[in-house]
């Protein structure tokens, strides 16, 4: 929440955190049924290599995909930190 508040300064801190909470809950509400369906899928991982052979479920793949997208988004995130600038930090 600190990054969102810092970027949206002088916006209301409570409003920023409320929007962030609502967005997180909304995304979770959408992802839980998708992850539940994906958990029923089972993929073989490197079946021709006995030492590394295994399986992976669809929900794990989905969460890895979401994590990678989040990482890529924040790697390119370069917004000015307005509150820090105003405080003189």
Protein backbone atom coordinates (compact mmCIF):
# COMPACT_ATOMS: atom_id res chain seq x y z
CA UNK A 1 0.00 0.00 0.00
CA UNK A 2 2.92 2.35 0.64
CA UNK A 3 3.95 2.42 -3.02
CA UNK A 4 0.40 3.18 -4.16
CA UNK A 5 0.04 5.95 -1.59
CA UNK A 6 3.44 7.40 -2.50
CA UNK A 7 2.64 7.45 -6.23
CA UNK A 8 -0.86 8.94 -5.86
CA UNK A 9 0.11 11.71 -3.41
CA UNK A 10 -1.67 14.06 -2.57
CA UNK A 11 -4.58 11.65 -2.98
CA UNK A 12 -6.41 10.35 0.05
CA UNK A 13 -4.52 7.44 1.62
CA UNK A 14 -7.70 5.70 2.75
CA UNK A 15 -9.24 5.89 -0.73
CA UNK A 16 -6.10 4.46 -2.32
CA UNK A 17 -5.98 1.55 0.12
CA UNK A 18 -9.71 0.91 -0.29
CA UNK A 19 -9.41 0.73 -4.08
CA UNK A 20 -6.40 -1.54 -3.71
CA UNK A 21 -8.27 -3.85 -1.32
CA UNK A 22 -11.33 -3.97 -3.58
CA UNK A 23 -9.17 -4.72 -6.64
CA UNK A 24 -7.36 -7.53 -4.84
CA UNK A 25 -10.61 -9.08 -3.64
CA UNK A 26 -12.13 -8.79 -7.12
CA UNK A 27 -9.12 -10.47 -8.75
CA UNK A 28 -9.23 -13.23 -6.15
CA UNK A 29 -12.93 -13.76 -6.77
CA UNK A 30 -12.17 -14.22 -10.46
CA UNK A 31 -9.07 -16.38 -10.03
CA UNK A 32 -10.36 -18.84 -7.41
CA UNK A 33 -12.86 -20.60 -9.75
CA UNK A 34 -10.30 -20.61 -12.58
CA UNK A 35 -7.65 -22.09 -10.27
CA UNK A 36 -10.16 -24.66 -9.02
CA UNK A 37 -10.84 -25.80 -12.56
CA UNK A 38 -7.15 -25.73 -13.46
CA UNK A 39 -6.33 -27.88 -10.41
CA UNK A 40 -8.11 -30.77 -12.11
CA UNK A 41 -5.62 -30.67 -15.00
CA UNK A 42 -2.42 -32.65 -14.65
CA UNK A 43 0.53 -32.20 -17.01
CA UNK A 44 3.52 -34.49 -17.33
CA UNK A 45 6.79 -32.63 -16.91
CA UNK A 46 9.79 -34.03 -18.81
CA UNK A 47 8.44 -37.60 -19.07
CA UNK A 48 11.36 -38.75 -21.26
CA UNK A 49 13.99 -37.78 -18.66
CA UNK A 50 13.67 -40.27 -15.78
CA UNK A 51 15.72 -38.17 -13.37
CA UNK A 52 13.56 -35.06 -13.89
CA UNK A 53 10.22 -36.67 -14.73
CA UNK A 54 7.22 -35.49 -12.78
CA UNK A 55 3.86 -33.86 -13.08
CA UNK A 56 2.50 -30.40 -12.46
CA UNK A 57 -1.08 -29.33 -11.90
CA UNK A 58 -2.82 -26.57 -13.82
CA UNK A 59 -3.34 -24.35 -10.77
CA UNK A 60 0.41 -24.25 -10.17
CA UNK A 61 0.95 -23.22 -13.80
CA UNK A 62 -1.71 -20.52 -13.45
CA UNK A 63 -0.12 -19.07 -10.30
CA UNK A 64 3.34 -19.16 -11.90
CA UNK A 65 1.91 -17.24 -14.87
CA UNK A 66 0.29 -14.63 -12.59
CA UNK A 67 3.55 -14.27 -10.63
CA UNK A 68 5.61 -13.79 -13.79
CA UNK A 69 3.17 -11.18 -15.14
CA UNK A 70 3.28 -9.30 -11.83
CA UNK A 71 7.08 -9.39 -11.79
CA UNK A 72 7.28 -8.09 -15.37
CA UNK A 73 4.82 -5.30 -14.63
CA UNK A 74 6.76 -4.04 -11.63
CA UNK A 75 10.12 -4.35 -13.40
CA UNK A 76 8.92 -1.69 -15.83
CA UNK A 77 7.18 0.42 -13.19
CA UNK A 78 8.84 3.82 -13.04
CA UNK A 79 6.36 6.29 -11.58
CA UNK A 80 7.59 9.32 -9.64
CA UNK A 81 7.32 8.89 -5.88
CA UNK A 82 5.44 12.13 -5.22
CA UNK A 83 5.13 11.91 -1.44
CA UNK A 84 8.83 11.17 -1.04
CA UNK A 85 9.63 14.09 -3.31
CA UNK A 86 7.34 16.38 -1.29
CA UNK A 87 8.93 15.24 1.98
CA UNK A 88 12.38 15.91 0.55
CA UNK A 89 13.64 12.33 0.93
